[in-house]
Amino acid sequence: MAKKIREDKVKSLRILQIDDEIRKGTYPNVPYLQRKFEVSRATIMRDIEFLRDRYQAPIEYDSLKNGYYYTDSTFFIKSLMLTEGELFTVTTVLPLLEQYKNTPLESSFKHIITKMMDILPESVAVDSSFNTNNVTFIKDPLPSIDEKIFNTIFDSIKLKKTVSFFYRSINKNEYTERFFDPYNVLCQKGSWYVIGFCHKHNTFITYSLSRMKNIKLTNTTYIIKEDFNLNNHIDPDFGIWDNKSPAVKIELEFSSSISTYILERTWHVDQKCHQNPDGTVYLSFMSNQLQESLFWILKFGSAVKVINPPELREKVIQEAKKILEKY
């Protein structure tokens, strides 16, 4: 049985390669194909017949050019052979699209995949014993985003038109109206934000798309302000918490109990990381994202200690006190 499966795979691959040779317009003949694939004349003849019968290939023999050709130059075999590596890529990349599940992009991706499936063959040959059930993805809970908000923000950026919307800050209970010039859309771990110029606060602000409502595209055209620099507002490695402060050196010491976990990962593109003689791990990097750093540090609990900067140490202390007050 295993031998039969291997033979079928070899035949399928050979058929695809013969099809490729013919479509190149080189007029391959039987002796050439025999030498190329190291098979008998009878095998090549069966392959040619298989092309005609199974795939309805418009294949003919040109006696002047001494080789085979397609009478329809647009013909191709609707067949697909995936290797184990390609299958693994497909099965691992597709779940990553979960970060778009809370946006209108989800339906767009589904539409694209449907169109791709329409041009694929009825069956797909997979050269692999890989089992997709062996891989499990755990996703973060994501906020939902209204389709009109998502699309209007992108229309605004494209048309350079100011938008108006009502916004509820994370620590507020009421919505307030904002007039806003969107510059860049940002996605952080599946949550979507937009950074630009806020007319109400007369400064650059980052807003969460999931906290907007009643958005409208105005007729007012805007120009991106010359002093705007995206790199001054975000840290691609650590977050997009809007902070106008300059980057500072963040230094941390992790307990030996999680040393391997810390050492095996790249937490920041500019990080310096090493294990101390006592087993603890030193990690440092430059960032102005103190608030995001605080959230990240807190998840390690007592397994991490902030060495520098002092203001980050104080943030951790104050947060710890607030936690204790609840117990």
C-alpha atoms as a PDB file:
ATOM      1  CA  MET A   1       0.000   0.000   0.000  1.00  0.00           C
ATOM      2  CA  ALA A   2       2.799   2.418   0.965  1.00  0.00           C
ATOM      3  CA  LYS A   3       4.627   1.565  -2.276  1.00  0.00           C
ATOM      4  CA  LYS A   4       1.496   2.325  -4.307  1.00  0.00           C
ATOM      5  CA  ILE A   5       1.109   5.714  -2.578  1.00  0.00           C
ATOM      6  CA  ARG A   6       4.746   6.605  -3.331  1.00  0.00           C
ATOM      7  CA  GLU A   7       4.321   5.592  -6.981  1.00  0.00           C
ATOM      8  CA  ASP A   8       1.208   7.739  -7.312  1.00  0.00           C
ATOM      9  CA  LYS A   9       3.044  10.744  -5.832  1.00  0.00           C
ATOM     10  CA  VAL A  10       5.962  10.268  -8.241  1.00  0.00           C
ATOM     11  CA  LYS A  11       3.567   9.970 -11.166  1.00  0.00           C
ATOM     12  CA  SER A  12       1.645  13.099 -10.131  1.00  0.00           C
ATOM     13  CA  LEU A  13       4.850  15.096  -9.878  1.00  0.00           C
ATOM     14  CA  ARG A  14       6.071  13.775 -13.244  1.00  0.00           C
ATOM     15  CA  ILE A  15       2.772  14.697 -14.907  1.00  0.00           C
ATOM     16  CA  LEU A  16       3.075  18.257 -13.588  1.00  0.00           C
ATOM     17  CA  GLN A  17       6.647  18.490 -14.855  1.00  0.00           C
ATOM     18  CA  ILE A  18       5.701  17.158 -18.296  1.00  0.00           C
ATOM     19  CA  ASP A  19       2.929  19.756 -18.424  1.00  0.00           C
ATOM     20  CA  ASP A  20       5.496  22.433 -17.524  1.00  0.00           C
ATOM     21  CA  GLU A  21       7.856  21.255 -20.294  1.00  0.00           C
ATOM     22  CA  ILE A  22       5.074  21.430 -22.894  1.00  0.00           C
ATOM     23  CA  ARG A  23       3.876  24.855 -21.766  1.00  0.00           C
ATOM     24  CA  LYS A  24       7.433  26.191 -22.115  1.00  0.00           C
ATOM     25  CA  GLY A  25       7.021  25.717 -25.878  1.00  0.00           C
ATOM     26  CA  THR A  26      10.173  23.585 -26.251  1.00  0.00           C
ATOM     27  CA  TYR A  27       8.277  20.766 -27.993  1.00  0.00           C
ATOM     28  CA  PRO A  28       9.562  17.885 -25.833  1.00  0.00           C
ATOM     29  CA  ASN A  29       9.435  14.421 -27.379  1.00  0.00           C
ATOM     30  CA  VAL A  30       9.349  10.925 -25.862  1.00  0.00           C
ATOM     31  CA  PRO A  31      13.148  10.252 -25.952  1.00  0.00           C
ATOM     32  CA  TYR A  32      13.804  13.595 -24.228  1.00  0.00           C
ATOM     33  CA  LEU A  33      11.214  12.904 -21.530  1.00  0.00           C
ATOM     34  CA  GLN A  34      12.559   9.369 -21.061  1.00  0.00           C
ATOM     35  CA  ARG A  35      16.030  10.728 -20.334  1.00  0.00           C
ATOM     36  CA  LYS A  36      14.759  13.519 -18.110  1.00  0.00           C
ATOM     37  CA  PHE A  37      12.675  11.296 -15.860  1.00  0.00           C
ATOM     38  CA  GLU A  38      14.643   8.053 -16.306  1.00  0.00           C
ATOM     39  CA  VAL A  39      11.594   5.989 -17.188  1.00  0.00           C
ATOM     40  CA  SER A  40      10.578   3.762 -20.086  1.00  0.00           C
ATOM     41  CA  ARG A  41       8.967   4.822 -23.363  1.00  0.00           C
ATOM     42  CA  ALA A  42       5.771   3.040 -22.317  1.00  0.00           C
ATOM     43  CA  THR A  43       5.601   5.096 -19.096  1.00  0.00           C
ATOM     44  CA  ILE A  44       5.908   8.397 -20.982  1.00  0.00           C
ATOM     45  CA  MET A  45       3.257   7.311 -23.486  1.00  0.00           C
ATOM     46  CA  ARG A  46       0.909   6.440 -20.602  1.00  0.00           C
ATOM     47  CA  ASP A  47       1.595   9.852 -19.091  1.00  0.00           C
ATOM     48  CA  ILE A  48       0.719  11.580 -22.361  1.00  0.00           C
ATOM     49  CA  GLU A  49      -2.528   9.608 -22.577  1.00  0.00           C
ATOM     50  CA  PHE A  50      -3.233  10.419 -18.928  1.00  0.00           C
ATOM     51  CA  LEU A  51      -2.873  14.134 -19.742  1.00  0.00           C
ATOM     52  CA  ARG A  52      -5.389  13.779 -22.574  1.00  0.00           C
ATOM     53  CA  ASP A  53      -7.897  11.627 -20.682  1.00  0.00           C
ATOM     54  CA  ARG A  54      -7.726  12.889 -17.090  1.00  0.00           C
ATOM     55  CA  TYR A  55      -7.033  16.584 -17.645  1.00  0.00           C
ATOM     56  CA  GLN A  56      -8.530  16.978 -21.143  1.00  0.00           C
ATOM     57  CA  ALA A  57      -5.213  18.460 -22.245  1.00  0.00           C
ATOM     58  CA  PRO A  58      -5.265  19.749 -25.874  1.00  0.00           C
ATOM     59  CA  ILE A  59      -1.977  17.965 -26.587  1.00  0.00           C
ATOM     60  CA  GLU A  60      -0.799  17.261 -30.128  1.00  0.00           C
ATOM     61  CA  TYR A  61       2.410  16.071 -31.778  1.00  0.00           C
ATOM     62  CA  ASP A  62       4.197  18.370 -34.267  1.00  0.00           C
ATOM     63  CA  SER A  63       6.063  16.174 -36.770  1.00  0.00           C
ATOM     64  CA  LEU A  64       8.091  19.135 -38.075  1.00  0.00           C
ATOM     65  CA  LYS A  65       9.340  20.186 -34.640  1.00  0.00           C
ATOM     66  CA  ASN A  66       9.435  16.577 -33.447  1.00  0.00           C
ATOM     67  CA  GLY A  67       7.666  17.192 -30.142  1.00  0.00           C
ATOM     68  CA  TYR A  68       4.456  17.767 -28.234  1.00  0.00           C
ATOM     69  CA  TYR A  69       2.597  21.073 -27.833  1.00  0.00           C
ATOM     70  CA  TYR A  70      -0.744  22.439 -26.637  1.00  0.00           C
ATOM     71  CA  THR A  71      -3.174  23.677 -29.258  1.00  0.00           C
ATOM     72  CA  ASP A  72      -4.550  26.010 -26.576  1.00  0.00           C
ATOM     73  CA  SER A  73      -1.668  28.054 -25.165  1.00  0.00           C
ATOM     74  CA  THR A  74      -3.760  29.079 -22.116  1.00  0.00           C
ATOM     75  CA  PHE A  75      -4.214  25.498 -20.900  1.00  0.00           C
ATOM     76  CA  PHE A  76      -2.698  24.446 -17.599  1.00  0.00           C
ATOM     77  CA  ILE A  77      -3.288  21.584 -15.197  1.00  0.00           C
ATOM     78  CA  LYS A  78      -5.501  22.607 -12.308  1.00  0.00           C
ATOM     79  CA  SER A  79      -3.519  20.656  -9.793  1.00  0.00           C
ATOM     80  CA  LEU A  80      -1.616  21.572  -6.694  1.00  0.00           C
ATOM     81  CA  MET A  81       1.140  19.715  -4.879  1.00  0.00           C
ATOM     82  CA  LEU A  82       1.981  20.904  -1.387  1.00  0.00           C
ATOM     83  CA  THR A  83       5.152  19.911   0.408  1.00  0.00           C
ATOM     84  CA  GLU A  84       5.197  19.385   4.167  1.00  0.00           C
ATOM     85  CA  GLY A  85       6.855  22.784   4.676  1.00  0.00           C
ATOM     86  CA  GLU A  86       4.246  24.545   2.519  1.00  0.00           C
ATOM     87  CA  LEU A  87       1.391  22.831   4.307  1.00  0.00           C
ATOM     88  CA  PHE A  88       2.843  23.797   7.681  1.00  0.00           C
ATOM     89  CA  THR A  89       3.112  27.413   6.498  1.00  0.00           C
ATOM     90  CA  VAL A  90      -0.520  27.487   5.389  1.00  0.00           C
ATOM     91  CA  THR A  91      -1.844  25.884   8.565  1.00  0.00           C
ATOM     92  CA  THR A  92       0.163  28.160  10.854  1.00  0.00           C
ATOM     93  CA  VAL A  93      -0.279  31.455   9.011  1.00  0.00           C
ATOM     94  CA  LEU A  94      -4.039  31.292   8.504  1.00  0.00           C
ATOM     95  CA  PRO A  95      -4.846  31.288  12.249  1.00  0.00           C
ATOM     96  CA  LEU A  96      -2.762  34.459  12.584  1.00  0.00           C
ATOM     97  CA  LEU A  97      -5.507  36.202  10.620  1.00  0.00           C
ATOM     98  CA  GLU A  98      -7.537  35.979  13.835  1.00  0.00           C
ATOM     99  CA  GLN A  99      -6.219  39.454  14.677  1.00  0.00           C
ATOM    100  CA  TYR A 100      -8.479  40.775  11.901  1.00  0.00           C
ATOM    101  CA  LYS A 101     -11.569  38.932  13.151  1.00  0.00           C
ATOM    102  CA  ASN A 102     -12.929  42.033  14.872  1.00  0.00           C
ATOM    103  CA  THR A 103     -12.637  44.151  11.717  1.00  0.00           C
ATOM    104  CA  PRO A 104     -14.220  44.321   8.238  1.00  0.00           C
ATOM    105  CA  LEU A 105     -10.951  42.875   6.918  1.00  0.00           C
ATOM    106  CA  GLU A 106     -12.185  39.473   8.068  1.00  0.00           C
ATOM    107  CA  SER A 107     -14.850  39.341   5.336  1.00  0.00           C
ATOM    108  CA  SER A 108     -12.347  40.661   2.778  1.00  0.00           C
ATOM    109  CA  PHE A 109      -9.887  37.883   3.599  1.00  0.00           C
ATOM    110  CA  LYS A 110     -12.647  35.294   3.357  1.00  0.00           C
ATOM    111  CA  HIS A 111     -13.628  36.694  -0.042  1.00  0.00           C
ATOM    112  CA  ILE A 112     -10.017  36.513  -1.262  1.00  0.00           C
ATOM    113  CA  ILE A 113      -9.628  32.940  -0.023  1.00  0.00           C
ATOM    114  CA  THR A 114     -12.898  31.969  -1.720  1.00  0.00           C
ATOM    115  CA  LYS A 115     -11.672  33.424  -5.023  1.00  0.00           C
ATOM    116  CA  MET A 116      -8.389  31.526  -4.651  1.00  0.00           C
ATOM    117  CA  MET A 117     -10.262  28.298  -3.954  1.00  0.00           C
ATOM    118  CA  ASP A 118     -12.291  28.762  -7.142  1.00  0.00           C
ATOM    119  CA  ILE A 119      -9.149  28.504  -9.276  1.00  0.00           C
ATOM    120  CA  LEU A 120      -7.740  25.517  -7.400  1.00  0.00           C
ATOM    121  CA  PRO A 121      -8.330  21.938  -8.515  1.00  0.00           C
ATOM    122  CA  GLU A 122     -11.027  19.801  -6.993  1.00  0.00           C
ATOM    123  CA  SER A 123      -8.365  17.825  -5.158  1.00  0.00           C
ATOM    124  CA  VAL A 124      -5.055  18.878  -3.655  1.00  0.00           C
ATOM    125  CA  ALA A 125      -2.171  16.448  -3.347  1.00  0.00           C
ATOM    126  CA  VAL A 126      -0.187  16.818  -0.144  1.00  0.00           C
ATOM    127  CA  ASP A 127       3.294  15.370   0.050  1.00  0.00           C
ATOM    128  CA  SER A 128       3.247  15.146   3.837  1.00  0.00           C
ATOM    129  CA  SER A 129       2.197  13.165   6.870  1.00  0.00           C
ATOM    130  CA  PHE A 130       1.697  16.441   8.750  1.00  0.00           C
ATOM    131  CA  ASN A 131      -1.444  16.512  10.888  1.00  0.00           C
ATOM    132  CA  THR A 132      -2.986  19.956  11.364  1.00  0.00           C
ATOM    133  CA  ASN A 133      -4.754  18.704  14.493  1.00  0.00           C
ATOM    134  CA  ASN A 134      -1.381  18.678  16.231  1.00  0.00           C
ATOM    135  CA  VAL A 135      -1.211  22.486  16.334  1.00  0.00           C
ATOM    136  CA  THR A 136      -3.428  24.588  18.611  1.00  0.00           C
ATOM    137  CA  PHE A 137      -3.587  28.394  18.667  1.00  0.00           C
ATOM    138  CA  ILE A 138      -4.650  30.365  21.738  1.00  0.00           C
ATOM    139  CA  LYS A 139      -5.900  33.851  20.922  1.00  0.00           C
ATOM    140  CA  ASP A 140      -6.456  36.976  22.990  1.00  0.00           C
ATOM    141  CA  PRO A 141     -10.004  38.329  23.498  1.00  0.00           C
ATOM    142  CA  LEU A 142     -10.452  41.236  21.104  1.00  0.00           C
ATOM    143  CA  PRO A 143     -12.780  44.268  21.171  1.00  0.00           C
ATOM    144  CA  SER A 144     -15.253  44.541  18.311  1.00  0.00           C
ATOM    145  CA  ILE A 145     -14.992  47.398  15.806  1.00  0.00           C
ATOM    146  CA  ASP A 146     -17.905  48.819  13.869  1.00  0.00           C
ATOM    147  CA  GLU A 147     -17.427  48.387  10.113  1.00  0.00           C
ATOM    148  CA  LYS A 148     -18.346  52.014   9.410  1.00  0.00           C
ATOM    149  CA  ILE A 149     -15.711  53.269  11.868  1.00  0.00           C
ATOM    150  CA  PHE A 150     -13.021  51.075  10.362  1.00  0.00           C
ATOM    151  CA  ASN A 151     -13.795  52.060   6.780  1.00  0.00           C
ATOM    152  CA  THR A 152     -14.299  55.763   7.527  1.00  0.00           C
ATOM    153  CA  ILE A 153     -10.903  56.043   9.226  1.00  0.00           C
ATOM    154  CA  PHE A 154      -9.183  54.578   6.160  1.00  0.00           C
ATOM    155  CA  ASP A 155     -11.231  56.808   3.839  1.00  0.00           C
ATOM    156  CA  SER A 156     -10.191  59.802   5.911  1.00  0.00           C
ATOM    157  CA  ILE A 157      -6.493  58.935   5.629  1.00  0.00           C
ATOM    158  CA  LYS A 158      -6.826  58.383   1.885  1.00  0.00           C
ATOM    159  CA  LEU A 159      -8.787  61.587   1.233  1.00  0.00           C
ATOM    160  CA  LYS A 160      -7.060  63.689   3.935  1.00  0.00           C
ATOM    161  CA  LYS A 161     -10.450  64.633   5.389  1.00  0.00           C
ATOM    162  CA  THR A 162     -11.122  65.441   9.049  1.00  0.00           C
ATOM    163  CA  VAL A 163     -13.487  63.073  10.866  1.00  0.00           C
ATOM    164  CA  SER A 164     -15.839  63.693  13.749  1.00  0.00           C
ATOM    165  CA  PHE A 165     -16.792  61.021  16.266  1.00  0.00           C
ATOM    166  CA  PHE A 166     -17.818  60.487  19.864  1.00  0.00           C
ATOM    167  CA  TYR A 167     -15.191  58.852  22.066  1.00  0.00           C
ATOM    168  CA  ARG A 168     -15.216  57.132  25.433  1.00  0.00           C
ATOM    169  CA  SER A 169     -11.836  57.071  27.176  1.00  0.00           C
ATOM    170  CA  ILE A 170     -10.828  53.958  29.089  1.00  0.00           C
ATOM    171  CA  ASN A 171     -11.393  55.703  32.453  1.00  0.00           C
ATOM    172  CA  LYS A 172     -14.598  57.561  31.507  1.00  0.00           C
ATOM    173  CA  ASN A 173     -18.277  56.625  31.470  1.00  0.00           C
ATOM    174  CA  GLU A 174     -19.473  59.171  28.910  1.00  0.00           C
ATOM    175  CA  TYR A 175     -18.766  59.824  25.244  1.00  0.00           C
ATOM    176  CA  THR A 176     -17.459  63.235  24.129  1.00  0.00           C
ATOM    177  CA  GLU A 177     -17.231  64.581  20.596  1.00  0.00           C
ATOM    178  CA  ARG A 178     -13.860  64.879  18.854  1.00  0.00           C
ATOM    179  CA  PHE A 179     -12.727  66.344  15.547  1.00  0.00           C
ATOM    180  CA  PHE A 180      -9.682  64.461  14.378  1.00  0.00           C
ATOM    181  CA  ASP A 181      -7.179  64.260  11.497  1.00  0.00           C
ATOM    182  CA  PRO A 182      -6.109  60.580  11.169  1.00  0.00           C
ATOM    183  CA  TYR A 183      -2.476  60.023  10.127  1.00  0.00           C
ATOM    184  CA  ASN A 184      -1.629  56.359  10.748  1.00  0.00           C
ATOM    185  CA  VAL A 185      -3.583  53.233  11.686  1.00  0.00           C
ATOM    186  CA  LEU A 186      -1.852  50.984  14.201  1.00  0.00           C
ATOM    187  CA  CYS A 187      -2.543  47.366  15.134  1.00  0.00           C
ATOM    188  CA  GLN A 188      -1.212  46.066  18.429  1.00  0.00           C
ATOM    189  CA  LYS A 189      -1.895  42.406  19.213  1.00  0.00           C
ATOM    190  CA  GLY A 190      -5.230  42.523  17.398  1.00  0.00           C
ATOM    191  CA  SER A 191      -6.368  45.851  18.877  1.00  0.00           C
ATOM    192  CA  TRP A 192      -6.664  48.700  16.368  1.00  0.00           C
ATOM    193  CA  TYR A 193      -5.730  52.340  16.968  1.00  0.00           C
ATOM    194  CA  VAL A 194      -5.311  55.513  14.939  1.00  0.00           C
ATOM    195  CA  ILE A 195      -2.859  58.312  15.647  1.00  0.00           C
ATOM    196  CA  GLY A 196      -3.271  61.850  14.382  1.00  0.00           C
ATOM    197  CA  PHE A 197      -4.080  65.423  15.340  1.00  0.00           C
ATOM    198  CA  CYS A 198      -6.958  66.050  17.760  1.00  0.00           C
ATOM    199  CA  HIS A 199      -8.619  69.451  17.350  1.00  0.00           C
ATOM    200  CA  LYS A 200     -10.122  69.345  20.843  1.00  0.00           C
ATOM    201  CA  HIS A 201      -6.785  68.865  22.607  1.00  0.00           C
ATOM    202  CA  ASN A 202      -4.715  70.652  19.935  1.00  0.00           C
ATOM    203  CA  THR A 203      -2.096  67.903  19.934  1.00  0.00           C
ATOM    204  CA  PHE A 204      -1.261  64.454  18.547  1.00  0.00           C
ATOM    205  CA  ILE A 205      -3.307  61.687  20.173  1.00  0.00           C
ATOM    206  CA  THR A 206      -3.811  57.956  19.717  1.00  0.00           C
ATOM    207  CA  TYR A 207      -7.412  56.750  19.770  1.00  0.00           C
ATOM    208  CA  SER A 208      -8.782  53.209  19.953  1.00  0.00           C
ATOM    209  CA  LEU A 209     -11.172  52.384  17.091  1.00  0.00           C
ATOM    210  CA  SER A 210     -13.253  50.170  19.370  1.00  0.00           C
ATOM    211  CA  ARG A 211     -14.097  53.155  21.641  1.00  0.00           C
ATOM    212  CA  MET A 212     -15.511  55.346  18.872  1.00  0.00           C
ATOM    213  CA  LYS A 213     -19.117  55.770  17.754  1.00  0.00           C
ATOM    214  CA  ASN A 214     -21.171  57.963  15.399  1.00  0.00           C
ATOM    215  CA  ILE A 215     -18.212  58.653  13.112  1.00  0.00           C
ATOM    216  CA  LYS A 216     -18.613  61.033  10.166  1.00  0.00           C
ATOM    217  CA  LEU A 217     -16.349  62.139   7.350  1.00  0.00           C
ATOM    218  CA  THR A 218     -16.361  65.944   7.130  1.00  0.00           C
ATOM    219  CA  ASN A 219     -15.633  68.130   4.110  1.00  0.00           C
ATOM    220  CA  THR A 220     -12.646  69.741   5.833  1.00  0.00           C
ATOM    221  CA  THR A 221      -9.314  68.866   4.249  1.00  0.00           C
ATOM    222  CA  TYR A 222      -6.249  68.581   6.463  1.00  0.00           C
ATOM    223  CA  ILE A 223      -2.483  68.593   5.958  1.00  0.00           C
ATOM    224  CA  ILE A 224      -0.201  66.423   8.086  1.00  0.00           C
ATOM    225  CA  LYS A 225       1.689  68.712  10.426  1.00  0.00           C
ATOM    226  CA  GLU A 226       5.396  69.016   9.723  1.00  0.00           C
ATOM    227  CA  ASP A 227       6.417  68.280  13.302  1.00  0.00           C
ATOM    228  CA  PHE A 228       4.662  64.898  13.327  1.00  0.00           C
ATOM    229  CA  ASN A 229       7.012  61.922  13.575  1.00  0.00           C
ATOM    230  CA  LEU A 230       5.440  58.523  14.183  1.00  0.00           C
ATOM    231  CA  ASN A 231       8.602  57.230  15.854  1.00  0.00           C
ATOM    232  CA  ASN A 232       8.169  59.828  18.585  1.00  0.00           C
ATOM    233  CA  HIS A 233       4.845  58.330  19.598  1.00  0.00           C
ATOM    234  CA  ILE A 234       5.235  54.569  19.378  1.00  0.00           C
ATOM    235  CA  ASP A 235       7.717  51.827  20.112  1.00  0.00           C
ATOM    236  CA  PRO A 236       7.118  49.074  17.515  1.00  0.00           C
ATOM    237  CA  ASP A 237       8.475  46.471  19.938  1.00  0.00           C
ATOM    238  CA  PHE A 238       6.680  47.552  23.067  1.00  0.00           C
ATOM    239  CA  GLY A 239       3.553  49.462  22.316  1.00  0.00           C
ATOM    240  CA  ILE A 240       1.698  52.494  21.097  1.00  0.00           C
ATOM    241  CA  TRP A 241       0.800  54.168  24.375  1.00  0.00           C
ATOM    242  CA  ASP A 242       0.987  57.808  23.369  1.00  0.00           C
ATOM    243  CA  ASN A 243       3.895  59.372  25.210  1.00  0.00           C
ATOM    244  CA  LYS A 244       5.816  62.476  24.207  1.00  0.00           C
ATOM    245  CA  SER A 245       8.666  61.838  26.642  1.00  0.00           C
ATOM    246  CA  PRO A 246      12.082  60.844  25.277  1.00  0.00           C
ATOM    247  CA  ALA A 247      13.155  57.223  25.436  1.00  0.00           C
ATOM    248  CA  VAL A 248      14.829  56.112  28.661  1.00  0.00           C
ATOM    249  CA  LYS A 249      16.876  53.071  29.565  1.00  0.00           C
ATOM    250  CA  ILE A 250      14.670  50.456  31.210  1.00  0.00           C
ATOM    251  CA  GLU A 251      16.634  47.950  33.312  1.00  0.00           C
ATOM    252  CA  LEU A 252      15.074  44.848  34.839  1.00  0.00           C
ATOM    253  CA  GLU A 253      16.228  41.865  36.868  1.00  0.00           C
ATOM    254  CA  PHE A 254      14.300  38.599  36.530  1.00  0.00           C
ATOM    255  CA  SER A 255      14.260  35.746  38.996  1.00  0.00           C
ATOM    256  CA  SER A 256      16.263  32.609  38.194  1.00  0.00           C
ATOM    257  CA  SER A 257      12.955  30.708  38.310  1.00  0.00           C
ATOM    258  CA  ILE A 258      12.025  32.100  34.866  1.00  0.00           C
ATOM    259  CA  SER A 259      15.546  32.646  33.502  1.00  0.00           C
ATOM    260  CA  THR A 260      15.136  30.314  30.518  1.00  0.00           C
ATOM    261  CA  TYR A 261      11.824  31.929  29.559  1.00  0.00           C
ATOM    262  CA  ILE A 262      13.416  35.387  29.525  1.00  0.00           C
ATOM    263  CA  LEU A 263      16.674  34.385  27.829  1.00  0.00           C
ATOM    264  CA  GLU A 264      15.056  32.500  24.955  1.00  0.00           C
ATOM    265  CA  ARG A 265      12.992  35.468  23.738  1.00  0.00           C
ATOM    266  CA  THR A 266      13.694  38.763  22.018  1.00  0.00           C
ATOM    267  CA  TRP A 267      11.658  41.300  23.957  1.00  0.00           C
ATOM    268  CA  HIS A 268      12.983  44.384  22.194  1.00  0.00           C
ATOM    269  CA  VAL A 269      15.081  44.963  19.079  1.00  0.00           C
ATOM    270  CA  ASP A 270      17.635  46.976  21.089  1.00  0.00           C
ATOM    271  CA  GLN A 271      17.692  44.750  24.157  1.00  0.00           C
ATOM    272  CA  LYS A 272      20.738  43.684  26.148  1.00  0.00           C
ATOM    273  CA  CYS A 273      20.152  40.432  27.965  1.00  0.00           C
ATOM    274  CA  HIS A 274      22.412  38.144  29.972  1.00  0.00           C
ATOM    275  CA  GLN A 275      22.370  35.767  32.917  1.00  0.00           C
ATOM    276  CA  ASN A 276      24.045  36.858  36.125  1.00  0.00           C
ATOM    277  CA  PRO A 277      26.321  34.557  38.170  1.00  0.00           C
ATOM    278  CA  ASP A 278      23.522  34.041  40.731  1.00  0.00           C
ATOM    279  CA  GLY A 279      21.121  32.788  38.010  1.00  0.00           C
ATOM    280  CA  THR A 280      19.049  35.944  37.713  1.00  0.00           C
ATOM    281  CA  VAL A 281      18.654  37.587  34.286  1.00  0.00           C
ATOM    282  CA  TYR A 282      19.451  41.196  33.415  1.00  0.00           C
ATOM    283  CA  LEU A 283      17.403  42.806  30.638  1.00  0.00           C
ATOM    284  CA  SER A 284      17.603  46.374  29.376  1.00  0.00           C
ATOM    285  CA  PHE A 285      16.241  48.346  26.412  1.00  0.00           C
ATOM    286  CA  MET A 286      15.448  51.927  25.410  1.00  0.00           C
ATOM    287  CA  SER A 287      11.786  52.969  25.281  1.00  0.00           C
ATOM    288  CA  ASN A 288       9.437  55.796  26.183  1.00  0.00           C
ATOM    289  CA  GLN A 289       6.570  53.358  26.691  1.00  0.00           C
ATOM    290  CA  LEU A 290       6.607  53.350  30.491  1.00  0.00           C
ATOM    291  CA  GLN A 291       2.892  52.627  30.802  1.00  0.00           C
ATOM    292  CA  GLU A 292       3.042  49.660  28.440  1.00  0.00           C
ATOM    293  CA  SER A 293       6.217  48.489  30.200  1.00  0.00           C
ATOM    294  CA  LEU A 294       4.362  48.674  33.511  1.00  0.00           C
ATOM    295  CA  PHE A 295       1.541  46.444  32.233  1.00  0.00           C
ATOM    296  CA  TRP A 296       4.080  43.977  30.872  1.00  0.00           C
ATOM    297  CA  ILE A 297       6.197  43.946  34.047  1.00  0.00           C
ATOM    298  CA  LEU A 298       3.194  43.364  36.302  1.00  0.00           C
ATOM    299  CA  LYS A 299       2.352  40.066  34.640  1.00  0.00           C
ATOM    300  CA  PHE A 300       5.617  38.609  35.991  1.00  0.00           C
ATOM    301  CA  GLY A 301       4.597  39.439  39.556  1.00  0.00           C
ATOM    302  CA  SER A 302       7.383  38.941  42.097  1.00  0.00           C
ATOM    303  CA  ALA A 303       9.645  37.313  39.494  1.00  0.00           C
ATOM    304  CA  VAL A 304      10.886  40.702  38.243  1.00  0.00           C
ATOM    305  CA  LYS A 305      12.423  43.776  39.839  1.00  0.00           C
ATOM    306  CA  VAL A 306      12.728  47.194  38.205  1.00  0.00           C
ATOM    307  CA  ILE A 307      16.260  48.576  38.532  1.00  0.00           C
ATOM    308  CA  ASN A 308      15.772  51.724  36.435  1.00  0.00           C
ATOM    309  CA  PRO A 309      14.307  54.252  35.745  1.00  0.00           C
ATOM    310  CA  PRO A 310      13.109  55.532  39.147  1.00  0.00           C
ATOM    311  CA  GLU A 311       9.745  56.694  37.739  1.00  0.00           C
ATOM    312  CA  LEU A 312       8.997  53.184  36.492  1.00  0.00           C
ATOM    313  CA  ARG A 313       9.928  51.737  39.896  1.00  0.00           C
ATOM    314  CA  GLU A 314       7.505  54.187  41.488  1.00  0.00           C
ATOM    315  CA  LYS A 315       4.730  53.183  39.055  1.00  0.00           C
ATOM    316  CA  VAL A 316       5.175  49.534  40.056  1.00  0.00           C
ATOM    317  CA  ILE A 317       5.160  50.410  43.771  1.00  0.00           C
ATOM    318  CA  GLN A 318       2.004  52.496  43.471  1.00  0.00           C
ATOM    319  CA  GLU A 319       0.242  49.816  41.441  1.00  0.00           C
ATOM    320  CA  ALA A 320       1.219  47.167  43.994  1.00  0.00           C
ATOM    321  CA  LYS A 321      -0.221  49.341  46.784  1.00  0.00           C
ATOM    322  CA  LYS A 322      -3.494  49.723  44.880  1.00  0.00           C
ATOM    323  CA  ILE A 323      -3.678  45.939  44.475  1.00  0.00           C
ATOM    324  CA  LEU A 324      -3.071  45.378  48.205  1.00  0.00           C
ATOM    325  CA  GLU A 325      -5.810  47.835  49.111  1.00  0.00           C
ATOM    326  CA  LYS A 326      -8.320  45.580  47.397  1.00  0.00           C
ATOM    327  CA  TYR A 327      -7.484  42.581  49.613  1.00  0.00           C
END
